[in-house]
C-alpha atoms as a PDB file:
ATOM      1  CA  MET A   1      -5.557  16.673  -9.100  1.00  0.00           C
ATOM      2  CA  LYS A   2      -9.080  18.096  -9.452  1.00  0.00           C
ATOM      3  CA  ALA A   3     -10.544  14.582 -10.000  1.00  0.00           C
ATOM      4  CA  VAL A   4      -9.044  13.512  -6.624  1.00  0.00           C
ATOM      5  CA  SER A   5     -10.109  16.551  -4.600  1.00  0.00           C
ATOM      6  CA  ARG A   6     -13.391  17.663  -6.234  1.00  0.00           C
ATOM      7  CA  PRO A   7     -15.630  15.069  -4.424  1.00  0.00           C
ATOM      8  CA  LEU A   8     -14.224  16.265  -1.068  1.00  0.00           C
ATOM      9  CA  GLY A   9     -15.445  19.806  -1.497  1.00  0.00           C
ATOM     10  CA  ARG A  10     -13.571  22.994  -0.808  1.00  0.00           C
ATOM     11  CA  PRO A  11     -10.607  22.848   1.501  1.00  0.00           C
ATOM     12  CA  VAL A  12     -11.276  24.203   5.000  1.00  0.00           C
ATOM     13  CA  SER A  13      -7.785  23.936   6.469  1.00  0.00           C
ATOM     14  CA  LEU A  14      -4.299  22.893   5.339  1.00  0.00           C
ATOM     15  CA  GLU A  15      -1.146  22.486   7.470  1.00  0.00           C
ATOM     16  CA  VAL A  16       2.269  21.020   6.630  1.00  0.00           C
ATOM     17  CA  SER A  17       2.720  17.908   8.901  1.00  0.00           C
ATOM     18  CA  SER A  18       6.001  16.623   7.399  1.00  0.00           C
ATOM     19  CA  ALA A  19       8.406  17.229   4.473  1.00  0.00           C
ATOM     20  CA  GLY A  20      11.534  15.393   3.486  1.00  0.00           C
ATOM     21  CA  ARG A  21      13.825  14.534   0.629  1.00  0.00           C
ATOM     22  CA  THR A  22      14.568  11.051  -0.594  1.00  0.00           C
ATOM     23  CA  MET A  23      16.405   9.480  -3.473  1.00  0.00           C
ATOM     24  CA  SER A  24      14.051   6.508  -3.868  1.00  0.00           C
ATOM     25  CA  LEU A  25      10.375   5.630  -3.630  1.00  0.00           C
ATOM     26  CA  PRO A  26       8.783   2.140  -3.913  1.00  0.00           C
ATOM     27  CA  GLY A  27       8.019   1.369  -7.596  1.00  0.00           C
ATOM     28  CA  ALA A  28       9.625   4.519  -8.852  1.00  0.00           C
ATOM     29  CA  PRO A  29      12.980   5.231 -10.543  1.00  0.00           C
ATOM     30  CA  ASP A  30      15.799   6.512  -8.364  1.00  0.00           C
ATOM     31  CA  ARG A  31      16.029  10.352  -8.473  1.00  0.00           C
ATOM     32  CA  GLU A  32      15.564  13.236  -6.039  1.00  0.00           C
ATOM     33  CA  TYR A  33      12.011  13.493  -4.552  1.00  0.00           C
ATOM     34  CA  VAL A  34      10.440  15.598  -1.835  1.00  0.00           C
ATOM     35  CA  VAL A  35       7.516  14.079   0.022  1.00  0.00           C
ATOM     36  CA  ILE A  36       5.281  16.712   1.564  1.00  0.00           C
ATOM     37  CA  ARG A  37       2.350  15.666   3.764  1.00  0.00           C
ATOM     38  CA  PHE A  38      -0.399  18.028   4.850  1.00  0.00           C
ATOM     39  CA  GLY A  39      -3.094  17.605   7.520  1.00  0.00           C
ATOM     40  CA  THR A  40      -6.105  18.708   5.674  1.00  0.00           C
ATOM     41  CA  SER A  41      -9.888  19.120   6.158  1.00  0.00           C
ATOM     42  CA  PHE A  42     -12.471  19.559   3.437  1.00  0.00           C
ATOM     43  CA  GLU A  43     -16.182  20.357   3.426  1.00  0.00           C
ATOM     44  CA  ASN A  44     -17.021  16.684   2.864  1.00  0.00           C
ATOM     45  CA  LYS A  45     -14.098  15.065   4.777  1.00  0.00           C
ATOM     46  CA  ALA A  46     -13.213  16.371   8.189  1.00  0.00           C
ATOM     47  CA  ALA A  47      -9.733  14.736   8.461  1.00  0.00           C
ATOM     48  CA  ALA A  48      -7.468  13.771   5.541  1.00  0.00           C
ATOM     49  CA  VAL A  49      -3.804  13.613   4.686  1.00  0.00           C
ATOM     50  CA  LYS A  50      -2.805  15.189   1.417  1.00  0.00           C
ATOM     51  CA  THR A  51       0.587  14.068  -0.020  1.00  0.00           C
ATOM     52  CA  ILE A  52       2.333  15.883  -2.852  1.00  0.00           C
ATOM     53  CA  ILE A  53       5.571  14.462  -4.346  1.00  0.00           C
ATOM     54  CA  PRO A  54       7.652  16.609  -6.592  1.00  0.00           C
ATOM     55  CA  ALA A  55      10.662  15.086  -8.352  1.00  0.00           C
ATOM     56  CA  LEU A  56      13.723  16.662  -9.955  1.00  0.00           C
ATOM     57  CA  ASP A  57      13.731  15.756 -13.609  1.00  0.00           C
ATOM     58  CA  ARG A  58      16.956  15.354 -15.709  1.00  0.00           C
ATOM     59  CA  ASP A  59      16.316  18.772 -17.210  1.00  0.00           C
ATOM     60  CA  GLY A  60      16.638  20.407 -13.730  1.00  0.00           C
ATOM     61  CA  ILE A  61      12.994  21.200 -13.361  1.00  0.00           C
ATOM     62  CA  TRP A  62      10.901  20.056 -10.398  1.00  0.00           C
ATOM     63  CA  ARG A  63       7.619  18.399 -11.490  1.00  0.00           C
ATOM     64  CA  VAL A  64       4.771  16.905  -9.384  1.00  0.00           C
ATOM     65  CA  THR A  65       4.900  13.193  -9.791  1.00  0.00           C
ATOM     66  CA  GLY A  66       2.453  12.144  -7.129  1.00  0.00           C
ATOM     67  CA  TYR A  67      -0.726  13.642  -5.514  1.00  0.00           C
ATOM     68  CA  TYR A  68      -2.704  11.603  -3.021  1.00  0.00           C
ATOM     69  CA  ILE A  69      -5.439  12.288  -0.483  1.00  0.00           C
ATOM     70  CA  ARG A  70      -6.238   9.641   2.102  1.00  0.00           C
END
């Protein structure tokens, strides 16, 4: 995650813009996911969308499976 966000500088603001559960994502195995999107601004990027996707593993533990900034 640091490699993705480090070039953007420090976060200035972060606000949840959407969140929802789904059982499938393109190119990923079927299981329970939560897609959380944040409106974000950084020192070096005024407007961005950060997406974090945790998934429920077979052992019952939620783990982050996706982290994107666009």
